[in-house]
Amino acid sequence: MALFLRNSIRNFEVKKIDIINYFKIFDMKKYFISVLSAIMGGAIALGGYHFLIKEKENSSLSFSSSTEDNTNVVHTNFHQVANFNFDENSFINASNKTVNSVVHVKNMTVAPEITSIFDLFSGNMPQQGGKERLAGTGSGVIISPDGYIVTNNHVISGASSVQVTLNNNQTYKAEIIGSDSSSDIALLKIKASEKLPFLTFADSDNTKIGEWVLAVGNPFNLTSTVTAGIISAKARNLGNQYNGKVESYIQTDAAVNSGNSGGALVNLNGDLIGINTAIASANTGTFVGYSFAVPSNIAKKVVEDLIEYGNVQRGVLGIAGTELNSETAEKLKTKQTEGFYIDSVDDDSGAEKAGLKKGDIITQMDNVKIHTFSDLSGHINTKRPNDSVKITILRDGKEKDITVKLQKNDSYVANDLGIIVKNLSEKDKKEFKIKKGVKITKTSPLFIENGVNLDGKVLISINGKEVTDIDSVKNILDNSKSQRNAIIIQNKNGEKERYFL
């Protein structure tokens, strides 16, 4: 967005405020989406959040795509993990079990056909008659004998068609069953004449730091490549360096490179514990020692939701807060330096109904220790609305167990608009004297720094189309072909404000 204009009007009397000078140094769309997604995305799992300012640590690392393309974007049946005895054949056995279940995924897009010199300057170049070209490649994992394949969303994003090549060199056209950008997981389906080898989801919660793992995929178009390493960390939060929303990754030192995205991370039983997704890179785009995988428990839940519902069902606690460390503990005047501090509880949420209060510190959930926000959000991302979670809290220095029933997520991160919105409550409808719309719960920090704060107001229109709920917001933005969006917002005084984004 090279231009951001604010026109505030009373009864649609326009006041023009030009703040273009604030944004001349930015490529707004790329910068804004990266900042907003990284800061806001993981918080949706909780139904709210609270930020405490921290000093940024200097780092020589950057993150780059693990798909085989030329972009510079960051990406690369269930049972318990059994007891395992290591021997010299462990790597061989796990590799033999895995390689035939990992496939090569090709993202094909239609190159527009240029019919005249004017097409070069048009934003709507014709697509009919264009030829398909290879936009990028990655990996995928067969998870059922009838051809379901899990991969990364960024591997197949924007594809006009997807091709899948098995380890026996047979190629199939794949159907995209569904995808989820928040978790970076997508589900494909191919029709093969025979039953296919597949991998079984293991319980990623049972994995241990220091455990041997194998990464299997197709780096640099080198098919059936196996690398070994250990689990370096769990529930890893990549923070502002990664344009993603799920912030609870398995970190390994198994070598992962461009083309490994969507491939398998397996234990030495050959069971699937993660989907390789991102790498750390020192501005080279290649592996420098760290790779990250979406845990199998999250991937499995997303896959099941896509098959059963067609979209991902997310449950929320209905709390806002921050993870604890020495710095935040001092500001909050608590001696506890681990856990998640509850700063507020949403009205009518499962958390409020269960009795959670401001000042409570979550230390455990379903027997999973909560050290950081990533521990909490990662566990919530494996749950659905109406699931119950057992939470252990510290209140006034005493431990207490509380069971909370999760509710349906009624919030949506509207990246293109720079806001997070939620469905109106009955209280909101009475307060604003309105029946339709969505309430803005968070504005991009970039906008706030430049004097534009939309928090607490109601979004009622996008590009002339009425907003009724968060689903309508998503549908309008998904189907918008415009590079700019005109929105109308109502404040508590009934005044309407218009913005062009």
Protein backbone atom coordinates (compact mmCIF):
# COMPACT_ATOMS: atom_id res chain seq x y z
CA MET A 1 0.00 0.00 0.00
CA ALA A 2 1.88 3.07 -1.22
CA LEU A 3 -0.87 5.34 0.05
CA PHE A 4 -2.96 5.44 3.17
CA LEU A 5 -5.63 8.16 3.44
CA ARG A 6 -7.91 8.75 6.32
CA ASN A 7 -11.18 10.57 5.78
CA SER A 8 -13.15 11.03 8.98
CA ILE A 9 -16.75 12.20 8.52
CA ARG A 10 -19.71 13.02 10.68
CA ASN A 11 -22.77 11.80 8.82
CA PHE A 12 -20.39 11.20 5.95
CA GLU A 13 -18.93 14.76 5.97
CA VAL A 14 -15.38 13.99 4.84
CA LYS A 15 -12.27 15.28 6.59
CA LYS A 16 -9.12 14.44 4.64
CA ILE A 17 -5.90 13.67 6.42
CA ASP A 18 -2.93 12.81 4.22
CA ILE A 19 -0.28 10.75 5.99
CA ILE A 20 1.52 9.48 2.90
CA ASN A 21 4.85 10.90 4.07
CA TYR A 22 4.96 8.42 6.91
CA PHE A 23 4.99 5.51 4.50
CA LYS A 24 7.28 6.54 1.68
CA ILE A 25 10.14 4.42 2.97
CA PHE A 26 8.05 1.28 3.11
CA ASP A 27 6.76 -1.30 0.68
CA MET A 28 3.60 -1.16 2.77
CA LYS A 29 1.90 -4.35 1.76
CA LYS A 30 4.89 -6.63 2.32
CA TYR A 31 6.02 -4.85 5.48
CA PHE A 32 2.58 -4.59 7.01
CA ILE A 33 1.51 -8.20 6.42
CA SER A 34 4.78 -9.49 7.89
CA VAL A 35 4.54 -7.30 11.00
CA LEU A 36 0.83 -7.82 11.62
CA SER A 37 0.87 -11.58 11.07
CA ALA A 38 3.92 -12.19 13.20
CA ILE A 39 2.74 -10.01 16.10
CA MET A 40 -0.96 -10.87 16.05
CA GLY A 41 -1.39 -14.33 14.54
CA GLY A 42 -0.63 -16.62 17.46
CA ALA A 43 -2.81 -14.56 19.82
CA ILE A 44 -6.03 -15.51 18.04
CA ALA A 45 -5.81 -18.97 19.64
CA LEU A 46 -6.42 -17.29 22.99
CA GLY A 47 -9.14 -14.91 21.86
CA GLY A 48 -7.05 -11.89 22.86
CA TYR A 49 -3.64 -10.74 23.93
CA HIS A 50 -1.56 -8.16 25.77
CA PHE A 51 1.81 -6.84 24.70
CA LEU A 52 4.64 -5.83 27.01
CA ILE A 53 7.51 -4.03 25.32
CA LYS A 54 10.76 -5.98 25.17
CA GLU A 55 14.17 -5.02 23.88
CA LYS A 56 14.89 -6.65 20.54
CA GLU A 57 17.96 -8.85 20.51
CA ASN A 58 20.32 -8.44 17.59
CA SER A 59 20.59 -11.51 15.40
CA SER A 60 22.65 -12.43 12.37
CA LEU A 61 20.03 -14.91 11.25
CA SER A 62 17.36 -14.37 8.64
CA PHE A 63 14.68 -16.73 7.49
CA SER A 64 14.08 -17.81 3.94
CA SER A 65 11.82 -20.07 1.96
CA SER A 66 12.39 -23.81 1.97
CA THR A 67 10.44 -24.20 -1.27
CA GLU A 68 12.31 -24.54 -4.54
CA ASP A 69 11.50 -21.14 -6.03
CA ASN A 70 13.01 -17.69 -6.34
CA THR A 71 10.97 -15.92 -3.69
CA ASN A 72 12.47 -14.63 -0.46
CA VAL A 73 9.59 -15.59 1.82
CA VAL A 74 10.00 -17.55 5.01
CA HIS A 75 8.69 -21.04 4.69
CA THR A 76 10.14 -24.05 4.19
CA ASN A 77 -4.08 -42.72 11.93
CA PHE A 78 -2.59 -41.79 15.37
CA HIS A 79 -0.77 -43.66 18.10
CA GLN A 80 1.54 -42.97 21.02
CA VAL A 81 5.31 -43.05 20.50
CA ALA A 82 6.47 -46.52 21.45
CA ASN A 83 9.51 -47.36 23.57
CA PHE A 84 12.52 -47.53 21.33
CA ASN A 85 15.91 -49.24 21.49
CA PHE A 86 18.61 -47.66 19.36
CA ASP A 87 20.95 -49.83 17.27
CA GLU A 88 23.11 -49.44 14.18
CA ASN A 89 20.18 -50.25 11.87
CA SER A 90 17.80 -47.67 13.35
CA PHE A 91 18.50 -44.98 10.73
CA ILE A 92 18.28 -47.53 7.91
CA ASN A 93 14.95 -48.95 9.08
CA ALA A 94 13.39 -45.50 9.60
CA SER A 95 14.63 -44.31 6.20
CA ASN A 96 13.29 -47.38 4.38
CA LYS A 97 9.90 -46.87 6.02
CA THR A 98 9.79 -43.18 5.13
CA VAL A 99 11.22 -42.49 1.67
CA ASN A 100 8.44 -44.21 -0.27
CA SER A 101 5.81 -42.20 1.61
CA VAL A 102 7.35 -38.80 0.81
CA VAL A 103 6.45 -37.26 -2.54
CA HIS A 104 7.64 -34.45 -4.80
CA VAL A 105 5.06 -31.65 -5.13
CA LYS A 106 5.06 -29.24 -8.09
CA ASN A 107 3.13 -25.96 -8.02
CA MET A 108 1.95 -25.13 -11.54
CA THR A 109 0.55 -21.71 -12.45
CA VAL A 110 -0.85 -20.30 -15.68
CA ALA A 111 1.40 -17.73 -17.29
CA PRO A 112 -0.78 -14.98 -18.79
CA GLU A 113 -0.81 -14.65 -22.56
CA ILE A 114 0.18 -11.17 -23.71
CA THR A 115 -1.90 -10.21 -26.74
CA SER A 116 -0.80 -6.60 -27.18
CA ILE A 117 1.63 -4.01 -25.90
CA PHE A 118 -1.15 -2.62 -23.69
CA ASP A 119 -1.25 -5.87 -21.70
CA LEU A 120 2.18 -5.03 -20.36
CA PHE A 121 0.73 -2.01 -18.59
CA SER A 122 -2.58 -3.58 -17.54
CA GLY A 123 -3.35 -4.95 -14.10
CA ASN A 124 -5.80 -7.42 -15.67
CA MET A 125 -3.76 -9.33 -18.22
CA PRO A 126 -5.74 -12.16 -19.89
CA GLN A 127 -5.34 -15.69 -18.49
CA GLN A 128 -7.08 -17.70 -21.20
CA GLY A 129 -4.65 -19.28 -23.58
CA GLY A 130 -1.76 -18.91 -21.15
CA LYS A 131 0.57 -21.82 -20.60
CA GLU A 132 1.21 -23.55 -17.32
CA ARG A 133 4.65 -23.05 -15.87
CA LEU A 134 6.44 -24.42 -12.83
CA ALA A 135 6.14 -21.85 -10.05
CA GLY A 136 7.88 -23.85 -7.31
CA THR A 137 8.42 -27.27 -5.84
CA GLY A 138 8.30 -28.82 -2.42
CA SER A 139 7.54 -32.07 -0.67
CA GLY A 140 4.53 -33.89 0.74
CA VAL A 141 3.76 -36.86 2.95
CA ILE A 142 1.29 -39.64 2.12
CA ILE A 143 -0.84 -40.20 5.23
CA SER A 144 -3.36 -42.77 3.96
CA PRO A 145 -3.31 -45.70 1.50
CA ASP A 146 -6.03 -44.05 -0.61
CA GLY A 147 -3.89 -41.04 -1.47
CA TYR A 148 -4.30 -38.24 1.06
CA ILE A 149 -1.13 -36.13 1.17
CA VAL A 150 -0.19 -33.42 3.66
CA THR A 151 2.13 -30.57 2.65
CA ASN A 152 2.69 -26.89 3.43
CA ASN A 153 0.16 -24.28 2.39
CA HIS A 154 2.94 -22.12 0.94
CA VAL A 155 4.05 -24.98 -1.32
CA ILE A 156 0.73 -25.01 -3.21
CA SER A 157 -0.36 -21.39 -2.70
CA GLY A 158 -1.52 -19.74 -5.93
CA ALA A 159 -1.37 -22.96 -7.94
CA SER A 160 -3.62 -23.47 -10.95
CA SER A 161 -2.82 -27.17 -10.65
CA VAL A 162 -0.64 -29.41 -8.51
CA GLN A 163 1.43 -32.37 -9.67
CA VAL A 164 2.66 -35.09 -7.32
CA THR A 165 5.47 -37.49 -8.18
CA LEU A 166 5.92 -40.63 -6.07
CA ASN A 167 9.22 -42.24 -5.23
CA ASN A 168 8.64 -44.74 -8.07
CA ASN A 169 8.55 -41.80 -10.53
CA GLN A 170 4.82 -42.05 -11.21
CA THR A 171 3.22 -38.61 -11.54
CA TYR A 172 -0.39 -37.74 -10.66
CA LYS A 173 -2.52 -34.62 -10.80
CA ALA A 174 -3.55 -33.78 -7.23
CA GLU A 175 -6.79 -32.30 -5.95
CA ILE A 176 -6.44 -29.59 -3.31
CA ILE A 177 -8.82 -30.69 -0.55
CA GLY A 178 -8.17 -27.65 1.59
CA SER A 179 -5.51 -25.47 3.15
CA ASP A 180 -4.89 -23.37 6.24
CA SER A 181 -2.52 -20.42 6.08
CA SER A 182 -2.44 -19.99 9.87
CA SER A 183 -0.78 -23.37 10.42
CA ASP A 184 0.79 -23.49 6.92
CA ILE A 185 -0.77 -26.90 6.31
CA ALA A 186 -2.52 -28.07 3.13
CA LEU A 187 -4.18 -31.35 2.19
CA LEU A 188 -4.00 -32.97 -1.26
CA LYS A 189 -5.59 -36.10 -2.73
CA ILE A 190 -4.45 -38.27 -5.62
CA LYS A 191 -6.17 -41.25 -7.24
CA ALA A 192 -3.80 -44.17 -7.63
CA SER A 193 -4.64 -47.62 -8.95
CA GLU A 194 -2.97 -49.32 -5.99
CA LYS A 195 -2.75 -48.78 -2.24
CA LEU A 196 0.02 -46.36 -1.38
CA PRO A 197 2.68 -46.55 1.34
CA PHE A 198 1.92 -44.03 4.08
CA LEU A 199 3.19 -42.68 7.37
CA THR A 200 1.39 -42.72 10.69
CA PHE A 201 1.04 -39.64 12.89
CA ALA A 202 2.86 -39.99 16.21
CA ASP A 203 2.11 -37.92 19.31
CA SER A 204 4.42 -34.91 19.02
CA ASP A 205 3.82 -34.05 22.68
CA ASN A 206 5.77 -37.19 23.58
CA THR A 207 8.88 -36.19 21.67
CA LYS A 208 11.95 -35.33 23.72
CA ILE A 209 14.68 -32.74 23.31
CA GLY A 210 17.80 -34.60 22.21
CA GLU A 211 15.82 -37.33 20.44
CA TRP A 212 17.15 -38.48 17.06
CA VAL A 213 15.00 -37.52 14.05
CA LEU A 214 15.18 -37.78 10.26
CA ALA A 215 14.07 -35.14 7.74
CA VAL A 216 12.94 -36.58 4.40
CA GLY A 217 12.14 -34.50 1.33
CA ASN A 218 13.28 -33.16 -2.02
CA PRO A 219 15.81 -30.34 -1.52
CA PHE A 220 17.02 -28.71 -4.74
CA ASN A 221 14.89 -31.25 -6.67
CA LEU A 222 17.00 -34.09 -5.26
CA THR A 223 14.27 -36.63 -4.57
CA SER A 224 14.20 -38.99 -1.58
CA THR A 225 16.84 -37.16 0.43
CA VAL A 226 17.29 -38.18 4.09
CA THR A 227 19.12 -36.11 6.69
CA ALA A 228 19.54 -36.80 10.41
CA GLY A 229 19.64 -34.64 13.52
CA ILE A 230 18.18 -34.22 16.96
CA ILE A 231 15.27 -32.27 18.36
CA SER A 232 16.89 -29.04 19.50
CA ALA A 233 13.81 -27.41 21.05
CA LYS A 234 10.03 -27.68 21.28
CA ALA A 235 7.31 -25.03 21.20
CA ARG A 236 9.69 -22.68 19.42
CA ASN A 237 8.41 -19.16 18.75
CA LEU A 238 9.98 -17.55 15.70
CA GLY A 239 8.59 -14.13 16.62
CA ASN A 240 8.76 -11.19 14.26
CA GLN A 241 11.25 -12.88 11.95
CA TYR A 242 8.66 -15.26 10.54
CA ASN A 243 5.49 -14.33 8.70
CA GLY A 244 3.34 -17.03 10.22
CA LYS A 245 0.68 -17.50 12.85
CA VAL A 246 1.33 -20.86 14.49
CA GLU A 247 4.20 -20.22 16.88
CA SER A 248 4.89 -23.61 18.40
CA TYR A 249 7.43 -25.35 16.17
CA ILE A 250 9.68 -28.35 16.67
CA GLN A 251 13.24 -27.15 16.10
CA THR A 252 15.85 -29.59 14.81
CA ASP A 253 19.38 -29.51 13.44
CA ALA A 254 18.58 -31.96 10.65
CA ALA A 255 19.61 -30.32 7.37
CA VAL A 256 16.60 -28.84 5.54
CA ASN A 257 16.91 -26.77 2.36
CA SER A 258 14.88 -25.28 -0.44
CA GLY A 259 12.42 -27.94 -1.60
CA ASN A 260 12.14 -29.70 1.77
CA SER A 261 8.98 -27.74 2.69
CA GLY A 262 6.07 -30.07 3.32
CA GLY A 263 8.33 -33.09 3.85
CA ALA A 264 8.42 -35.49 6.77
CA LEU A 265 10.13 -35.18 10.12
CA VAL A 266 10.08 -38.67 11.62
CA ASN A 267 11.39 -40.40 14.72
CA LEU A 268 13.53 -43.54 14.51
CA ASN A 269 10.38 -45.65 14.47
CA GLY A 270 9.63 -43.99 11.12
CA ASP A 271 6.51 -42.30 12.53
CA LEU A 272 5.54 -38.76 11.55
CA ILE A 273 6.21 -36.18 14.27
CA GLY A 274 6.25 -33.02 12.14
CA ILE A 275 5.96 -31.34 8.73
CA ASN A 276 9.16 -29.51 7.79
CA THR A 277 8.26 -25.90 7.15
CA ALA A 278 10.99 -23.29 7.72
CA ILE A 279 14.72 -22.85 7.95
CA ALA A 280 17.07 -20.33 9.53
CA SER A 281 19.41 -18.81 7.00
CA ALA A 282 22.23 -16.26 7.17
CA ASN A 283 20.95 -14.29 4.15
CA THR A 284 21.83 -17.14 1.80
CA GLY A 285 18.53 -19.02 1.56
CA THR A 286 20.27 -22.24 2.57
CA PHE A 287 20.48 -24.22 5.79
CA VAL A 288 22.81 -22.96 8.53
CA GLY A 289 21.91 -25.29 11.38
CA TYR A 290 18.29 -24.78 12.37
CA SER A 291 15.05 -26.01 10.83
CA PHE A 292 11.47 -25.90 12.05
CA ALA A 293 8.52 -28.26 11.68
CA VAL A 294 4.81 -27.98 12.41
CA PRO A 295 4.19 -30.57 15.16
CA SER A 296 2.23 -33.65 14.07
CA ASN A 297 -0.51 -33.02 16.64
CA ILE A 298 -1.31 -29.67 15.01
CA ALA A 299 -0.97 -31.02 11.45
CA LYS A 300 -3.19 -34.02 12.25
CA LYS A 301 -5.91 -31.82 13.73
CA VAL A 302 -5.86 -29.48 10.70
CA VAL A 303 -6.07 -32.44 8.30
CA GLU A 304 -9.02 -33.95 10.16
CA ASP A 305 -10.83 -30.61 10.17
CA LEU A 306 -10.28 -30.08 6.42
CA ILE A 307 -11.67 -33.55 5.67
CA GLU A 308 -14.64 -33.33 8.02
CA TYR A 309 -15.58 -29.64 7.93
CA GLY A 310 -13.81 -28.15 4.92
CA ASN A 311 -12.12 -25.59 7.17
CA VAL A 312 -10.20 -25.49 10.44
CA GLN A 313 -12.22 -25.46 13.66
CA ARG A 314 -10.43 -23.44 16.32
CA GLY A 315 -11.38 -23.21 19.95
CA VAL A 316 -10.47 -20.23 22.13
CA LEU A 317 -10.07 -19.73 25.86
CA GLY A 318 -11.17 -16.12 25.82
CA ILE A 319 -8.27 -14.55 27.70
CA ALA A 320 -5.65 -11.89 27.08
CA GLY A 321 -2.22 -11.79 28.64
CA THR A 322 1.50 -12.31 28.24
CA GLU A 323 4.14 -14.93 28.95
CA LEU A 324 6.25 -14.40 32.03
CA ASN A 325 9.98 -13.83 32.31
CA SER A 326 12.14 -11.79 34.65
CA GLU A 327 11.31 -8.53 32.90
CA THR A 328 7.55 -8.99 32.69
CA ALA A 329 7.41 -10.48 36.19
CA GLU A 330 9.00 -7.33 37.58
CA LYS A 331 6.51 -5.10 35.75
CA LEU A 332 3.57 -7.22 36.90
CA LYS A 333 4.97 -7.42 40.44
CA THR A 334 5.01 -11.19 40.63
CA LYS A 335 7.79 -13.58 41.63
CA GLN A 336 6.70 -16.16 39.03
CA THR A 337 8.95 -16.07 35.93
CA GLU A 338 7.35 -18.93 33.99
CA GLY A 339 3.82 -19.38 32.76
CA PHE A 340 1.13 -17.22 31.13
CA TYR A 341 -0.19 -14.19 33.03
CA ILE A 342 -3.89 -13.41 32.45
CA ASP A 343 -4.40 -9.69 32.00
CA SER A 344 -8.11 -9.80 31.07
CA VAL A 345 -10.95 -12.26 30.50
CA ASP A 346 -13.46 -11.88 27.66
CA ASP A 347 -17.13 -11.46 28.49
CA ASP A 348 -19.24 -14.61 28.06
CA SER A 349 -16.14 -16.68 27.21
CA GLY A 350 -15.40 -20.17 28.42
CA ALA A 351 -12.68 -18.70 30.63
CA GLU A 352 -15.11 -16.32 32.34
CA LYS A 353 -17.71 -19.03 32.84
CA ALA A 354 -15.08 -21.32 34.38
CA GLY A 355 -13.95 -18.62 36.81
CA LEU A 356 -10.56 -17.54 35.44
CA LYS A 357 -9.60 -14.05 36.61
CA LYS A 358 -7.16 -11.26 35.88
CA GLY A 359 -3.90 -11.98 37.70
CA ASP A 360 -4.16 -15.76 37.41
CA ILE A 361 -1.01 -17.44 36.09
CA ILE A 362 -1.46 -20.53 33.91
CA THR A 363 1.29 -23.05 34.69
CA GLN A 364 -0.11 -26.24 33.17
CA MET A 365 -2.74 -27.39 30.69
CA ASP A 366 -3.81 -31.03 30.31
CA ASN A 367 -0.58 -32.06 32.09
CA VAL A 368 1.50 -30.03 29.61
CA LYS A 369 3.83 -27.58 31.36
CA ILE A 370 3.26 -23.98 30.26
CA HIS A 371 6.58 -22.16 30.28
CA THR A 372 5.89 -19.75 27.42
CA PHE A 373 3.10 -18.46 25.21
CA SER A 374 4.16 -20.98 22.55
CA ASP A 375 3.44 -23.87 24.93
CA LEU A 376 -0.05 -22.51 25.50
CA SER A 377 -0.94 -21.57 21.92
CA GLY A 378 0.52 -24.82 20.57
CA HIS A 379 -1.72 -26.91 22.83
CA ILE A 380 -4.82 -24.80 22.09
CA ASN A 381 -4.18 -25.23 18.34
CA THR A 382 -4.79 -28.98 18.74
CA LYS A 383 -8.28 -28.38 20.18
CA ARG A 384 -11.71 -27.62 18.76
CA PRO A 385 -14.73 -25.66 19.99
CA ASN A 386 -16.53 -27.47 22.85
CA ASP A 387 -13.36 -29.36 23.84
CA SER A 388 -12.54 -29.04 27.52
CA VAL A 389 -9.07 -28.36 28.88
CA LYS A 390 -7.85 -28.79 32.45
CA ILE A 391 -5.89 -25.73 33.49
CA THR A 392 -3.64 -25.40 36.53
CA ILE A 393 -3.29 -21.82 37.73
CA LEU A 394 -1.50 -19.93 40.46
CA ARG A 395 -3.82 -17.55 42.31
CA ASP A 396 -2.55 -15.66 45.33
CA GLY A 397 0.37 -18.09 45.52
CA LYS A 398 -1.84 -21.19 45.61
CA GLU A 399 -2.37 -23.79 42.90
CA LYS A 400 -5.88 -24.40 41.61
CA ASP A 401 -7.27 -26.66 38.86
CA ILE A 402 -10.02 -25.28 36.61
CA THR A 403 -11.71 -26.98 33.64
CA VAL A 404 -12.55 -24.66 30.75
CA LYS A 405 -14.82 -25.46 27.81
CA LEU A 406 -13.42 -23.87 24.65
CA GLN A 407 -15.68 -21.79 22.46
CA LYS A 408 -15.71 -21.19 18.72
CA ASN A 409 -13.21 -18.64 17.51
CA ASP A 410 -15.12 -15.49 16.61
CA SER A 411 -12.06 -13.42 15.65
CA TYR A 412 -10.35 -12.92 12.30
CA VAL A 413 -7.01 -11.36 11.38
CA ALA A 414 -7.75 -9.11 8.38
CA ASN A 415 -4.18 -8.65 7.15
CA ASP A 416 -5.20 -6.54 4.15
CA LEU A 417 -6.94 -4.07 6.46
CA GLY A 418 -4.42 -4.05 9.29
CA ILE A 419 -6.93 -5.06 11.94
CA ILE A 420 -8.26 -7.96 13.99
CA VAL A 421 -12.05 -8.17 14.16
CA LYS A 422 -14.56 -10.23 16.11
CA ASN A 423 -18.28 -10.88 15.90
CA LEU A 424 -20.52 -8.44 17.74
CA SER A 425 -21.84 -9.50 21.13
CA GLU A 426 -25.35 -8.59 22.23
CA LYS A 427 -23.75 -5.99 24.48
CA ASP A 428 -21.93 -4.48 21.48
CA LYS A 429 -25.14 -4.32 19.43
CA LYS A 430 -26.92 -2.41 22.18
CA GLU A 431 -23.98 -0.10 22.82
CA PHE A 432 -23.52 0.82 19.15
CA LYS A 433 -27.27 0.59 18.34
CA ILE A 434 -26.45 -1.63 15.40
CA LYS A 435 -27.42 -5.13 14.30
CA LYS A 436 -24.66 -6.01 11.83
CA GLY A 437 -20.93 -5.53 11.59
CA VAL A 438 -17.77 -6.69 13.36
CA LYS A 439 -15.91 -5.08 16.24
CA ILE A 440 -12.27 -4.08 15.74
CA THR A 441 -10.24 -5.47 18.63
CA LYS A 442 -6.73 -4.58 17.47
CA THR A 443 -5.15 -2.16 15.01
CA SER A 444 -1.73 -2.64 13.45
CA PRO A 445 0.98 -1.13 15.68
CA LEU A 446 2.36 0.55 12.54
CA PHE A 447 -0.90 2.47 12.12
CA ILE A 448 -1.14 3.35 15.80
CA GLU A 449 2.38 4.81 15.72
CA ASN A 450 1.12 7.16 13.00
CA GLY A 451 -1.99 8.25 14.85
CA VAL A 452 -4.55 5.86 13.40
CA ASN A 453 -6.24 3.72 16.06
CA LEU A 454 -9.44 1.87 15.18
CA ASP A 455 -9.69 -0.23 18.34
CA GLY A 456 -13.18 -0.58 19.78
CA LYS A 457 -15.00 0.65 16.66
CA VAL A 458 -17.32 -1.31 14.37
CA LEU A 459 -16.50 -2.18 10.76
CA ILE A 460 -19.74 -2.02 8.74
CA SER A 461 -18.65 -1.97 5.09
CA ILE A 462 -15.77 -3.04 2.81
CA ASN A 463 -15.66 -1.83 -0.80
CA GLY A 464 -19.36 -0.97 -0.64
CA LYS A 465 -20.33 -4.44 0.57
CA GLU A 466 -22.13 -4.89 3.88
CA VAL A 467 -20.23 -6.61 6.68
CA THR A 468 -22.35 -8.95 8.80
CA ASP A 469 -19.82 -11.13 10.62
CA ILE A 470 -16.20 -12.31 10.42
CA ASP A 471 -17.03 -14.80 7.66
CA SER A 472 -18.32 -11.98 5.48
CA VAL A 473 -15.09 -10.05 6.05
CA LYS A 474 -13.03 -13.03 4.92
CA ASN A 475 -15.22 -13.64 1.87
CA ILE A 476 -15.15 -10.00 0.76
CA LEU A 477 -11.37 -9.77 1.05
CA ASP A 478 -10.77 -13.17 -0.57
CA ASN A 479 -12.85 -12.16 -3.59
CA SER A 480 -11.54 -8.61 -3.86
CA LYS A 481 -9.54 -7.85 -6.98
CA SER A 482 -8.73 -4.30 -5.92
CA GLN A 483 -5.31 -3.30 -4.64
CA ARG A 484 -6.99 -0.81 -2.28
CA ASN A 485 -9.90 -1.32 0.07
CA ALA A 486 -12.46 1.30 1.08
CA ILE A 487 -13.92 0.67 4.53
CA ILE A 488 -16.56 2.41 6.61
CA ILE A 489 -16.39 2.32 10.40
CA GLN A 490 -18.84 3.45 13.05
CA ASN A 491 -17.81 4.75 16.47
CA LYS A 492 -19.80 4.71 19.71
CA ASN A 493 -21.32 8.12 18.95
CA GLY A 494 -22.88 6.78 15.76
CA GLU A 495 -20.42 8.74 13.61
CA LYS A 496 -19.10 7.11 10.47
CA GLU A 497 -15.45 7.16 9.43
CA ARG A 498 -14.13 6.24 6.00
CA TYR A 499 -10.67 4.88 5.26
CA PHE A 500 -8.90 3.92 2.05
CA LEU A 501 -6.30 1.19 2.56
